[in-house]
PDB file of N, CA and C in Angstrom:
ATOM      1  N   MET A   1      16.861  -5.264  -2.580  1.00  0.00           N
ATOM      2  CA  MET A   1      15.645  -6.051  -2.673  1.00  0.00           C
ATOM      3  C   MET A   1      14.441  -5.116  -2.563  1.00  0.00           C
ATOM      4  N   ILE A   2      13.450  -5.367  -3.380  1.00  0.00           N
ATOM      5  CA  ILE A   2      12.195  -4.617  -3.368  1.00  0.00           C
ATOM      6  C   ILE A   2      11.136  -5.519  -2.743  1.00  0.00           C
ATOM      7  N   ARG A   3      10.452  -5.008  -1.740  1.00  0.00           N
ATOM      8  CA  ARG A   3       9.429  -5.799  -1.041  1.00  0.00           C
ATOM      9  C   ARG A   3       8.065  -5.130  -1.210  1.00  0.00           C
ATOM     10  N   ILE A   4       7.048  -5.953  -1.423  1.00  0.00           N
ATOM     11  CA  ILE A   4       5.686  -5.453  -1.613  1.00  0.00           C
ATOM     12  C   ILE A   4       4.848  -5.918  -0.429  1.00  0.00           C
ATOM     13  N   PHE A   5       4.235  -4.953   0.244  1.00  0.00           N
ATOM     14  CA  PHE A   5       3.405  -5.226   1.411  1.00  0.00           C
ATOM     15  C   PHE A   5       1.962  -4.852   1.109  1.00  0.00           C
ATOM     16  N   LYS A   6       1.032  -5.563   1.744  1.00  0.00           N
ATOM     17  CA  LYS A   6      -0.391  -5.262   1.587  1.00  0.00           C
ATOM     18  C   LYS A   6      -1.019  -5.133   2.968  1.00  0.00           C
ATOM     19  N   LEU A   7      -1.886  -4.127   3.104  1.00  0.00           N
ATOM     20  CA  LEU A   7      -2.664  -3.989   4.334  1.00  0.00           C
ATOM     21  C   LEU A   7      -3.567  -5.209   4.444  1.00  0.00           C
ATOM     22  N   THR A   8      -3.476  -5.935   5.558  1.00  0.00           N
ATOM     23  CA  THR A   8      -4.258  -7.159   5.698  1.00  0.00           C
ATOM     24  C   THR A   8      -5.382  -7.047   6.712  1.00  0.00           C
ATOM     25  N   LYS A   9      -5.195  -6.268   7.760  1.00  0.00           N
ATOM     26  CA  LYS A   9      -6.254  -6.110   8.755  1.00  0.00           C
ATOM     27  C   LYS A   9      -5.985  -4.868   9.587  1.00  0.00           C
ATOM     28  N   ARG A  10      -6.994  -4.455  10.300  1.00  0.00           N
ATOM     29  CA  ARG A  10      -6.857  -3.314  11.209  1.00  0.00           C
ATOM     30  C   ARG A  10      -7.256  -3.751  12.606  1.00  0.00           C
ATOM     31  N   HIS A  11      -6.608  -3.153  13.574  1.00  0.00           N
ATOM     32  CA  HIS A  11      -6.891  -3.469  14.968  1.00  0.00           C
ATOM     33  C   HIS A  11      -7.106  -2.161  15.714  1.00  0.00           C
ATOM     34  N   MET A  12      -8.207  -2.094  16.465  1.00  0.00           N
ATOM     35  CA  MET A  12      -8.455  -0.907  17.268  1.00  0.00           C
ATOM     36  C   MET A  12      -8.289  -1.283  18.733  1.00  0.00           C
ATOM     37  N   ASP A  13      -7.413  -0.577  19.412  1.00  0.00           N
ATOM     38  CA  ASP A  13      -7.152  -0.832  20.818  1.00  0.00           C
ATOM     39  C   ASP A  13      -8.422  -0.576  21.618  1.00  0.00           C
ATOM     40  N   ASP A  14      -8.824  -1.549  22.428  1.00  0.00           N
ATOM     41  CA  ASP A  14     -10.043  -1.415  23.222  1.00  0.00           C
ATOM     42  C   ASP A  14      -9.668  -1.205  24.683  1.00  0.00           C
ATOM     43  N   ASN A  15     -10.213  -0.163  25.277  1.00  0.00           N
ATOM     44  CA  ASN A  15      -9.939   0.166  26.668  1.00  0.00           C
ATOM     45  C   ASN A  15     -11.261   0.107  27.429  1.00  0.00           C
ATOM     46  N   ASP A  16     -11.403  -0.870  28.322  1.00  0.00           N
ATOM     47  CA  ASP A  16     -12.658  -1.051  29.057  1.00  0.00           C
ATOM     48  C   ASP A  16     -12.971   0.110  29.994  1.00  0.00           C
ATOM     49  N   LYS A  17     -11.969   0.855  30.416  1.00  0.00           N
ATOM     50  CA  LYS A  17     -12.174   1.949  31.367  1.00  0.00           C
ATOM     51  C   LYS A  17     -12.589   3.250  30.688  1.00  0.00           C
ATOM     52  N   MET A  18     -12.559   3.266  29.376  1.00  0.00           N
ATOM     53  CA  MET A  18     -12.907   4.484  28.646  1.00  0.00           C
ATOM     54  C   MET A  18     -14.434   4.676  28.658  1.00  0.00           C
ATOM     55  N   PRO A  19     -14.911   5.881  28.964  1.00  0.00           N
ATOM     56  CA  PRO A  19     -16.355   6.145  28.935  1.00  0.00           C
ATOM     57  C   PRO A  19     -16.943   5.881  27.541  1.00  0.00           C
ATOM     58  N   ARG A  20     -18.204   5.468  27.525  1.00  0.00           N
ATOM     59  CA  ARG A  20     -18.873   5.110  26.277  1.00  0.00           C
ATOM     60  C   ARG A  20     -18.825   6.241  25.259  1.00  0.00           C
ATOM     61  N   GLU A  21     -19.015   7.482  25.716  1.00  0.00           N
ATOM     62  CA  GLU A  21     -19.002   8.624  24.800  1.00  0.00           C
ATOM     63  C   GLU A  21     -17.656   8.744  24.086  1.00  0.00           C
ATOM     64  N   LEU A  22     -16.574   8.536  24.835  1.00  0.00           N
ATOM     65  CA  LEU A  22     -15.246   8.616  24.225  1.00  0.00           C
ATOM     66  C   LEU A  22     -14.997   7.447  23.277  1.00  0.00           C
ATOM     67  N   LYS A  23     -15.514   6.260  23.618  1.00  0.00           N
ATOM     68  CA  LYS A  23     -15.394   5.111  22.711  1.00  0.00           C
ATOM     69  C   LYS A  23     -16.095   5.408  21.391  1.00  0.00           C
ATOM     70  N   ASP A  24     -17.284   6.021  21.489  1.00  0.00           N
ATOM     71  CA  ASP A  24     -18.029   6.366  20.274  1.00  0.00           C
ATOM     72  C   ASP A  24     -17.242   7.341  19.406  1.00  0.00           C
ATOM     73  N   ILE A  25     -16.614   8.318  20.055  1.00  0.00           N
ATOM     74  CA  ILE A  25     -15.806   9.294  19.307  1.00  0.00           C
ATOM     75  C   ILE A  25     -14.625   8.597  18.641  1.00  0.00           C
ATOM     76  N   LYS A  26     -13.983   7.690  19.373  1.00  0.00           N
ATOM     77  CA  LYS A  26     -12.837   6.970  18.819  1.00  0.00           C
ATOM     78  C   LYS A  26     -13.265   6.109  17.629  1.00  0.00           C
ATOM     79  N   ILE A  27     -14.369   5.409  17.756  1.00  0.00           N
ATOM     80  CA  ILE A  27     -14.863   4.581  16.651  1.00  0.00           C
ATOM     81  C   ILE A  27     -15.205   5.457  15.456  1.00  0.00           C
ATOM     82  N   PHE A  28     -15.887   6.576  15.689  1.00  0.00           N
ATOM     83  CA  PHE A  28     -16.223   7.484  14.592  1.00  0.00           C
ATOM     84  C   PHE A  28     -14.962   8.007  13.918  1.00  0.00           C
ATOM     85  N   SER A  29     -13.995   8.443  14.732  1.00  0.00           N
ATOM     86  CA  SER A  29     -12.744   8.973  14.172  1.00  0.00           C
ATOM     87  C   SER A  29     -12.038   7.934  13.315  1.00  0.00           C
ATOM     88  N   THR A  30     -12.048   6.706  13.773  1.00  0.00           N
ATOM     89  CA  THR A  30     -11.417   5.631  13.014  1.00  0.00           C
ATOM     90  C   THR A  30     -12.153   5.393  11.704  1.00  0.00           C
ATOM     91  N   CYS A  31     -13.471   5.418  11.748  1.00  0.00           N
ATOM     92  CA  CYS A  31     -14.266   5.156  10.542  1.00  0.00           C
ATOM     93  C   CYS A  31     -14.091   6.233   9.483  1.00  0.00           C
ATOM     94  N   VAL A  32     -13.903   7.470   9.888  1.00  0.00           N
ATOM     95  CA  VAL A  32     -13.751   8.539   8.902  1.00  0.00           C
ATOM     96  C   VAL A  32     -12.298   8.747   8.504  1.00  0.00           C
ATOM     97  N   GLY A  33     -11.403   7.907   9.019  1.00  0.00           N
ATOM     98  CA  GLY A  33     -10.039   7.912   8.523  1.00  0.00           C
ATOM     99  C   GLY A  33      -9.018   8.665   9.339  1.00  0.00           C
ATOM    100  N   HIS A  34      -9.387   9.124  10.521  1.00  0.00           N
ATOM    101  CA  HIS A  34      -8.407   9.858  11.318  1.00  0.00           C
ATOM    102  C   HIS A  34      -7.398   8.939  11.995  1.00  0.00           C
ATOM    103  N   GLY A  35      -7.721   7.667  12.112  1.00  0.00           N
ATOM    104  CA  GLY A  35      -6.762   6.703  12.643  1.00  0.00           C
ATOM    105  C   GLY A  35      -6.524   6.775  14.134  1.00  0.00           C
ATOM    106  N   VAL A  36      -7.453   7.335  14.893  1.00  0.00           N
ATOM    107  CA  VAL A  36      -7.282   7.434  16.342  1.00  0.00           C
ATOM    108  C   VAL A  36      -7.372   6.031  16.946  1.00  0.00           C
ATOM    109  N   GLY A  37      -6.280   5.557  17.525  1.00  0.00           N
ATOM    110  CA  GLY A  37      -6.291   4.247  18.168  1.00  0.00           C
ATOM    111  C   GLY A  37      -6.264   3.082  17.202  1.00  0.00           C
ATOM    112  N   THR A  38      -5.935   3.315  15.958  1.00  0.00           N
ATOM    113  CA  THR A  38      -5.934   2.249  14.962  1.00  0.00           C
ATOM    114  C   THR A  38      -4.509   1.868  14.599  1.00  0.00           C
ATOM    115  N   ILE A  39      -4.284   0.590  14.483  1.00  0.00           N
ATOM    116  CA  ILE A  39      -2.997   0.089  14.020  1.00  0.00           C
ATOM    117  C   ILE A  39      -3.254  -0.699  12.747  1.00  0.00           C
ATOM    118  N   ASP A  40      -2.525  -0.388  11.697  1.00  0.00           N
ATOM    119  CA  ASP A  40      -2.623  -1.141  10.451  1.00  0.00           C
ATOM    120  C   ASP A  40      -1.617  -2.279  10.488  1.00  0.00           C
ATOM    121  N   PHE A  41      -2.048  -3.444  10.032  1.00  0.00           N
ATOM    122  CA  PHE A  41      -1.152  -4.589   9.929  1.00  0.00           C
ATOM    123  C   PHE A  41      -0.925  -4.890   8.461  1.00  0.00           C
ATOM    124  N   SER A  42       0.305  -4.786   8.038  1.00  0.00           N
ATOM    125  CA  SER A  42       0.668  -5.111   6.665  1.00  0.00           C
ATOM    126  C   SER A  42       1.537  -6.353   6.683  1.00  0.00           C
ATOM    127  N   GLU A  43       1.414  -7.146   5.624  1.00  0.00           N
ATOM    128  CA  GLU A  43       2.282  -8.302   5.499  1.00  0.00           C
ATOM    129  C   GLU A  43       2.928  -8.300   4.131  1.00  0.00           C
ATOM    130  N   GLN A  44       4.129  -8.824   4.071  1.00  0.00           N
ATOM    131  CA  GLN A  44       4.831  -8.900   2.799  1.00  0.00           C
ATOM    132  C   GLN A  44       4.167  -9.969   1.949  1.00  0.00           C
ATOM    133  N   ILE A  45       3.800  -9.595   0.717  1.00  0.00           N
ATOM    134  CA  ILE A  45       3.137 -10.546  -0.172  1.00  0.00           C
ATOM    135  C   ILE A  45       3.996 -10.909  -1.377  1.00  0.00           C
ATOM    136  N   ALA A  46       5.056 -10.150  -1.626  1.00  0.00           N
ATOM    137  CA  ALA A  46       5.931 -10.451  -2.765  1.00  0.00           C
ATOM    138  C   ALA A  46       7.236  -9.690  -2.614  1.00  0.00           C
ATOM    139  N   GLN A  47       8.191 -10.078  -3.418  1.00  0.00           N
ATOM    140  CA  GLN A  47       9.455  -9.350  -3.490  1.00  0.00           C
ATOM    141  C   GLN A  47      10.049  -9.544  -4.871  1.00  0.00           C
ATOM    142  N   MET A  48      10.929  -8.635  -5.240  1.00  0.00           N
ATOM    143  CA  MET A  48      11.637  -8.737  -6.516  1.00  0.00           C
ATOM    144  C   MET A  48      12.992  -8.066  -6.368  1.00  0.00           C
ATOM    145  N   SER A  49      13.879  -8.402  -7.257  1.00  0.00           N
ATOM    146  CA  SER A  49      15.205  -7.787  -7.227  1.00  0.00           C
ATOM    147  C   SER A  49      15.111  -6.365  -7.782  1.00  0.00           C
ATOM    148  N   GLU A  50      16.117  -5.566  -7.497  1.00  0.00           N
ATOM    149  CA  GLU A  50      16.152  -4.203  -8.036  1.00  0.00           C
ATOM    150  C   GLU A  50      16.214  -4.232  -9.559  1.00  0.00           C
ATOM    151  N   GLU A  51      16.889  -5.231 -10.113  1.00  0.00           N
ATOM    152  CA  GLU A  51      16.984  -5.363 -11.570  1.00  0.00           C
ATOM    153  C   GLU A  51      15.614  -5.639 -12.186  1.00  0.00           C
ATOM    154  N   GLU A  52      14.834  -6.534 -11.554  1.00  0.00           N
ATOM    155  CA  GLU A  52      13.475  -6.818 -12.037  1.00  0.00           C
ATOM    156  C   GLU A  52      12.615  -5.558 -11.987  1.00  0.00           C
ATOM    157  N   TYR A  53      12.748  -4.809 -10.898  1.00  0.00           N
ATOM    158  CA  TYR A  53      11.962  -3.587 -10.716  1.00  0.00           C
ATOM    159  C   TYR A  53      12.309  -2.563 -11.797  1.00  0.00           C
ATOM    160  N   GLU A  54      13.594  -2.361 -12.040  1.00  0.00           N
ATOM    161  CA  GLU A  54      14.031  -1.412 -13.072  1.00  0.00           C
ATOM    162  C   GLU A  54      13.563  -1.844 -14.460  1.00  0.00           C
ATOM    163  N   GLN A  55      13.619  -3.141 -14.733  1.00  0.00           N
ATOM    164  CA  GLN A  55      13.143  -3.652 -16.021  1.00  0.00           C
ATOM    165  C   GLN A  55      11.646  -3.399 -16.174  1.00  0.00           C
ATOM    166  N   MET A  56      10.884  -3.606 -15.089  1.00  0.00           N
ATOM    167  CA  MET A  56       9.451  -3.343 -15.113  1.00  0.00           C
ATOM    168  C   MET A  56       9.196  -1.875 -15.442  1.00  0.00           C
ATOM    169  N   LEU A  57       9.934  -0.969 -14.808  1.00  0.00           N
ATOM    170  CA  LEU A  57       9.770   0.460 -15.078  1.00  0.00           C
ATOM    171  C   LEU A  57      10.085   0.784 -16.534  1.00  0.00           C
ATOM    172  N   ASN A  58      11.176   0.237 -17.042  1.00  0.00           N
ATOM    173  CA  ASN A  58      11.600   0.517 -18.417  1.00  0.00           C
ATOM    174  C   ASN A  58      10.605   0.015 -19.456  1.00  0.00           C
ATOM    175  N   GLU A  59       9.864  -1.044 -19.132  1.00  0.00           N
ATOM    176  CA  GLU A  59       8.916  -1.636 -20.075  1.00  0.00           C
ATOM    177  C   GLU A  59       7.496  -1.104 -19.893  1.00  0.00           C
ATOM    178  N   SER A  60       7.312  -0.136 -19.013  1.00  0.00           N
ATOM    179  CA  SER A  60       5.978   0.384 -18.705  1.00  0.00           C
ATOM    180  C   SER A  60       5.845   1.834 -19.151  1.00  0.00           C
ATOM    181  N   GLY A  61       4.608   2.345 -19.049  1.00  0.00           N
ATOM    182  CA  GLY A  61       4.297   3.693 -19.510  1.00  0.00           C
ATOM    183  C   GLY A  61       4.726   4.802 -18.567  1.00  0.00           C
ATOM    184  N   GLU A  62       4.427   6.033 -18.983  1.00  0.00           N
ATOM    185  CA  GLU A  62       4.880   7.227 -18.267  1.00  0.00           C
ATOM    186  C   GLU A  62       4.311   7.348 -16.853  1.00  0.00           C
ATOM    187  N   TYR A  63       3.016   7.018 -16.667  1.00  0.00           N
ATOM    188  CA  TYR A  63       2.459   7.139 -15.315  1.00  0.00           C
ATOM    189  C   TYR A  63       3.129   6.154 -14.362  1.00  0.00           C
ATOM    190  N   VAL A  64       3.449   4.967 -14.838  1.00  0.00           N
ATOM    191  CA  VAL A  64       4.143   3.979 -14.007  1.00  0.00           C
ATOM    192  C   VAL A  64       5.501   4.531 -13.587  1.00  0.00           C
ATOM    193  N   LYS A  65       6.208   5.112 -14.530  1.00  0.00           N
ATOM    194  CA  LYS A  65       7.524   5.689 -14.222  1.00  0.00           C
ATOM    195  C   LYS A  65       7.397   6.847 -13.239  1.00  0.00           C
ATOM    196  N   PHE A  66       6.344   7.654 -13.408  1.00  0.00           N
ATOM    197  CA  PHE A  66       6.109   8.787 -12.512  1.00  0.00           C
ATOM    198  C   PHE A  66       5.778   8.304 -11.095  1.00  0.00           C
ATOM    199  N   LYS A  67       4.857   7.360 -10.984  1.00  0.00           N
ATOM    200  CA  LYS A  67       4.374   6.911  -9.675  1.00  0.00           C
ATOM    201  C   LYS A  67       5.378   6.014  -8.954  1.00  0.00           C
ATOM    202  N   LEU A  68       6.008   5.107  -9.682  1.00  0.00           N
ATOM    203  CA  LEU A  68       6.859   4.106  -9.052  1.00  0.00           C
ATOM    204  C   LEU A  68       8.352   4.374  -9.213  1.00  0.00           C
ATOM    205  N   GLY A  69       8.701   5.353 -10.036  1.00  0.00           N
ATOM    206  CA  GLY A  69      10.100   5.587 -10.358  1.00  0.00           C
ATOM    207  C   GLY A  69      10.932   6.252  -9.285  1.00  0.00           C
ATOM    208  N   ASN A  70      10.298   6.802  -8.259  1.00  0.00           N
ATOM    209  CA  ASN A  70      11.042   7.495  -7.196  1.00  0.00           C
ATOM    210  C   ASN A  70      11.366   6.607  -6.000  1.00  0.00           C
ATOM    211  N   LEU A  71      11.231   5.307  -6.169  1.00  0.00           N
ATOM    212  CA  LEU A  71      11.478   4.400  -5.050  1.00  0.00           C
ATOM    213  C   LEU A  71      12.906   4.526  -4.517  1.00  0.00           C
ATOM    214  N   SER A  72      13.864   4.725  -5.392  1.00  0.00           N
ATOM    215  CA  SER A  72      15.257   4.864  -4.946  1.00  0.00           C
ATOM    216  C   SER A  72      15.476   6.147  -4.152  1.00  0.00           C
ATOM    217  N   LYS A  73      14.645   7.142  -4.394  1.00  0.00           N
ATOM    218  CA  LYS A  73      14.774   8.420  -3.691  1.00  0.00           C
ATOM    219  C   LYS A  73      14.076   8.395  -2.330  1.00  0.00           C
ATOM    220  N   TYR A  74      12.857   7.828  -2.291  1.00  0.00           N
ATOM    221  CA  TYR A  74      12.051   7.865  -1.070  1.00  0.00           C
ATOM    222  C   TYR A  74      12.021   6.543  -0.306  1.00  0.00           C
ATOM    223  N   PHE A  75      12.449   5.441  -0.942  1.00  0.00           N
ATOM    224  CA  PHE A  75      12.513   4.105  -0.349  1.00  0.00           C
ATOM    225  C   PHE A  75      11.155   3.507  -0.019  1.00  0.00           C
ATOM    226  N   GLU A  76      10.060   4.202  -0.362  1.00  0.00           N
ATOM    227  CA  GLU A  76       8.724   3.679  -0.099  1.00  0.00           C
ATOM    228  C   GLU A  76       7.727   4.373  -1.020  1.00  0.00           C
ATOM    229  N   VAL A  77       6.822   3.582  -1.594  1.00  0.00           N
ATOM    230  CA  VAL A  77       5.761   4.121  -2.446  1.00  0.00           C
ATOM    231  C   VAL A  77       4.459   3.445  -2.039  1.00  0.00           C
ATOM    232  N   GLU A  78       3.408   4.230  -1.828  1.00  0.00           N
ATOM    233  CA  GLU A  78       2.092   3.677  -1.504  1.00  0.00           C
ATOM    234  C   GLU A  78       1.238   3.632  -2.761  1.00  0.00           C
ATOM    235  N   ILE A  79       0.470   2.555  -2.899  1.00  0.00           N
ATOM    236  CA  ILE A  79      -0.434   2.407  -4.040  1.00  0.00           C
ATOM    237  C   ILE A  79      -1.832   2.138  -3.504  1.00  0.00           C
ATOM    238  N   PHE A  80      -2.721   3.099  -3.715  1.00  0.00           N
ATOM    239  CA  PHE A  80      -4.123   2.952  -3.347  1.00  0.00           C
ATOM    240  C   PHE A  80      -4.916   2.530  -4.583  1.00  0.00           C
ATOM    241  N   ALA A  81      -6.175   2.193  -4.396  1.00  0.00           N
ATOM    242  CA  ALA A  81      -7.004   1.696  -5.497  1.00  0.00           C
ATOM    243  C   ALA A  81      -7.048   2.674  -6.669  1.00  0.00           C
ATOM    244  N   GLU A  82      -7.118   3.971  -6.386  1.00  0.00           N
ATOM    245  CA  GLU A  82      -7.179   4.949  -7.476  1.00  0.00           C
ATOM    246  C   GLU A  82      -5.877   4.981  -8.281  1.00  0.00           C
ATOM    247  N   HIS A  83      -4.756   4.695  -7.622  1.00  0.00           N
ATOM    248  CA  HIS A  83      -3.482   4.606  -8.343  1.00  0.00           C
ATOM    249  C   HIS A  83      -3.459   3.353  -9.207  1.00  0.00           C
ATOM    250  N   ALA A  84      -3.956   2.252  -8.645  1.00  0.00           N
ATOM    251  CA  ALA A  84      -3.957   0.977  -9.382  1.00  0.00           C
ATOM    252  C   ALA A  84      -4.726   1.109 -10.692  1.00  0.00           C
ATOM    253  N   LEU A  85      -5.848   1.818 -10.664  1.00  0.00           N
ATOM    254  CA  LEU A  85      -6.643   2.005 -11.889  1.00  0.00           C
ATOM    255  C   LEU A  85      -5.849   2.710 -12.976  1.00  0.00           C
ATOM    256  N   ARG A  86      -5.008   3.644 -12.587  1.00  0.00           N
ATOM    257  CA  ARG A  86      -4.182   4.365 -13.569  1.00  0.00           C
ATOM    258  C   ARG A  86      -2.925   3.593 -13.949  1.00  0.00           C
ATOM    259  N   LEU A  87      -2.412   2.791 -13.030  1.00  0.00           N
ATOM    260  CA  LEU A  87      -1.193   2.029 -13.302  1.00  0.00           C
ATOM    261  C   LEU A  87      -1.436   0.838 -14.231  1.00  0.00           C
ATOM    262  N   LEU A  88      -2.532   0.131 -14.024  1.00  0.00           N
ATOM    263  CA  LEU A  88      -2.769  -1.125 -14.742  1.00  0.00           C
ATOM    264  C   LEU A  88      -2.673  -1.026 -16.263  1.00  0.00           C
ATOM    265  N   PRO A  89      -3.295  -0.033 -16.910  1.00  0.00           N
ATOM    266  CA  PRO A  89      -3.211   0.006 -18.377  1.00  0.00           C
ATOM    267  C   PRO A  89      -1.791   0.216 -18.906  1.00  0.00           C
ATOM    268  N   GLN A  90      -0.923   0.818 -18.110  1.00  0.00           N
ATOM    269  CA  GLN A  90       0.434   1.138 -18.564  1.00  0.00           C
ATOM    270  C   GLN A  90       1.505   0.201 -18.008  1.00  0.00           C
ATOM    271  N   LEU A  91       1.115  -0.690 -17.109  1.00  0.00           N
ATOM    272  CA  LEU A  91       2.076  -1.565 -16.441  1.00  0.00           C
ATOM    273  C   LEU A  91       2.319  -2.821 -17.265  1.00  0.00           C
ATOM    274  N   CYS A  92       3.590  -3.163 -17.465  1.00  0.00           N
ATOM    275  CA  CYS A  92       3.915  -4.378 -18.217  1.00  0.00           C
ATOM    276  C   CYS A  92       3.476  -5.608 -17.416  1.00  0.00           C
ATOM    277  N   ASP A  93       3.293  -6.717 -18.123  1.00  0.00           N
ATOM    278  CA  ASP A  93       2.900  -7.960 -17.460  1.00  0.00           C
ATOM    279  C   ASP A  93       3.975  -8.388 -16.473  1.00  0.00           C
ATOM    280  N   GLY A  94       3.523  -8.910 -15.341  1.00  0.00           N
ATOM    281  CA  GLY A  94       4.473  -9.368 -14.338  1.00  0.00           C
ATOM    282  C   GLY A  94       3.820  -9.491 -12.977  1.00  0.00           C
ATOM    283  N   LYS A  95       4.656  -9.673 -11.984  1.00  0.00           N
ATOM    284  CA  LYS A  95       4.228  -9.911 -10.609  1.00  0.00           C
ATOM    285  C   LYS A  95       3.357  -8.777 -10.063  1.00  0.00           C
ATOM    286  N   LEU A  96       3.819  -7.540 -10.224  1.00  0.00           N
ATOM    287  CA  LEU A  96       3.086  -6.405  -9.667  1.00  0.00           C
ATOM    288  C   LEU A  96       1.735  -6.220 -10.348  1.00  0.00           C
ATOM    289  N   LYS A  97       1.679  -6.439 -11.644  1.00  0.00           N
ATOM    290  CA  LYS A  97       0.408  -6.294 -12.359  1.00  0.00           C
ATOM    291  C   LYS A  97      -0.619  -7.297 -11.836  1.00  0.00           C
ATOM    292  N   GLN A  98      -0.198  -8.528 -11.597  1.00  0.00           N
ATOM    293  CA  GLN A  98      -1.111  -9.536 -11.056  1.00  0.00           C
ATOM    294  C   GLN A  98      -1.620  -9.135  -9.674  1.00  0.00           C
ATOM    295  N   ILE A  99      -0.741  -8.589  -8.859  1.00  0.00           N
ATOM    296  CA  ILE A  99      -1.140  -8.147  -7.520  1.00  0.00           C
ATOM    297  C   ILE A  99      -2.155  -7.011  -7.619  1.00  0.00           C
ATOM    298  N   LEU A 100      -1.897  -6.047  -8.494  1.00  0.00           N
ATOM    299  CA  LEU A 100      -2.804  -4.902  -8.638  1.00  0.00           C
ATOM    300  C   LEU A 100      -4.155  -5.316  -9.210  1.00  0.00           C
ATOM    301  N   LEU A 101      -4.170  -6.304 -10.081  1.00  0.00           N
ATOM    302  CA  LEU A 101      -5.440  -6.795 -10.629  1.00  0.00           C
ATOM    303  C   LEU A 101      -6.340  -7.354  -9.534  1.00  0.00           C
ATOM    304  N   ASN A 102      -5.748  -7.834  -8.457  1.00  0.00           N
ATOM    305  CA  ASN A 102      -6.513  -8.427  -7.358  1.00  0.00           C
ATOM    306  C   ASN A 102      -6.700  -7.490  -6.169  1.00  0.00           C
ATOM    307  N   LEU A 103      -6.288  -6.235  -6.297  1.00  0.00           N
ATOM    308  CA  LEU A 103      -6.421  -5.273  -5.198  1.00  0.00           C
ATOM    309  C   LEU A 103      -7.855  -4.758  -5.147  1.00  0.00           C
ATOM    310  N   ARG A 104      -8.628  -5.254  -4.212  1.00  0.00           N
ATOM    311  CA  ARG A 104     -10.034  -4.862  -4.069  1.00  0.00           C
ATOM    312  C   ARG A 104     -10.240  -3.848  -2.945  1.00  0.00           C
ATOM    313  N   GLU A 105      -9.396  -3.913  -1.934  1.00  0.00           N
ATOM    314  CA  GLU A 105      -9.504  -2.998  -0.799  1.00  0.00           C
ATOM    315  C   GLU A 105      -8.128  -2.830  -0.180  1.00  0.00           C
ATOM    316  N   GLY A 106      -8.005  -1.861   0.702  1.00  0.00           N
ATOM    317  CA  GLY A 106      -6.723  -1.610   1.327  1.00  0.00           C
ATOM    318  C   GLY A 106      -5.756  -0.955   0.365  1.00  0.00           C
ATOM    319  N   TYR A 107      -4.490  -1.166   0.590  1.00  0.00           N
ATOM    320  CA  TYR A 107      -3.475  -0.550  -0.257  1.00  0.00           C
ATOM    321  C   TYR A 107      -2.189  -1.358  -0.188  1.00  0.00           C
ATOM    322  N   LEU A 108      -1.279  -1.039  -1.089  1.00  0.00           N
ATOM    323  CA  LEU A 108       0.033  -1.678  -1.125  1.00  0.00           C
ATOM    324  C   LEU A 108       1.099  -0.663  -0.745  1.00  0.00           C
ATOM    325  N   VAL A 109       2.178  -1.157  -0.210  1.00  0.00           N
ATOM    326  CA  VAL A 109       3.362  -0.343   0.024  1.00  0.00           C
ATOM    327  C   VAL A 109       4.535  -1.098  -0.591  1.00  0.00           C
ATOM    328  N   ILE A 110       5.253  -0.411  -1.466  1.00  0.00           N
ATOM    329  CA  ILE A 110       6.458  -0.982  -2.056  1.00  0.00           C
ATOM    330  C   ILE A 110       7.641  -0.342  -1.345  1.00  0.00           C
ATOM    331  N   LYS A 111       8.518  -1.178  -0.799  1.00  0.00           N
ATOM    332  CA  LYS A 111       9.666  -0.675  -0.038  1.00  0.00           C
ATOM    333  C   LYS A 111      10.961  -1.199  -0.641  1.00  0.00           C
ATOM    334  N   LYS A 112      11.937  -0.324  -0.632  1.00  0.00           N
ATOM    335  CA  LYS A 112      13.277  -0.705  -1.085  1.00  0.00           C
ATOM    336  C   LYS A 112      14.180  -0.814   0.129  1.00  0.00           C
ATOM    337  N   ASP A 113      14.901  -1.930   0.223  1.00  0.00           N
ATOM    338  CA  ASP A 113      15.861  -2.102   1.312  1.00  0.00           C
ATOM    339  C   ASP A 113      17.012  -1.125   1.133  1.00  0.00           C
ATOM    340  N   PHE A 114      17.551  -0.666   2.240  1.00  0.00           N
ATOM    341  CA  PHE A 114      18.696   0.245   2.207  1.00  0.00           C
ATOM    342  C   PHE A 114      19.933  -0.499   1.799  1.00  0.00           C
TER     343      PHE A 114
END
């Protein structure tokens, strides 16, 4: 089974005993992407069979095969907005294309069950 997850929200652990200066550093670090004290929450938004996934790859262009074709090797593929822009023109119509068309922020993770 292939599962598609989307980042839905972020949570930053708040510690009341932490000095203000350290809180500011933690907030800054989180904002610039270092992820200090940040937990990402992803939720499953879709799934497809391995056969559907393989058919999608076979009916799509070279970049799709390059970016998404190693799922069986790595069991996980991340798709950020810049990837979606390159994937969409070459991706065949289907579930994943609809999801990518609506990706405005965050990212997707495609996972293959063992």
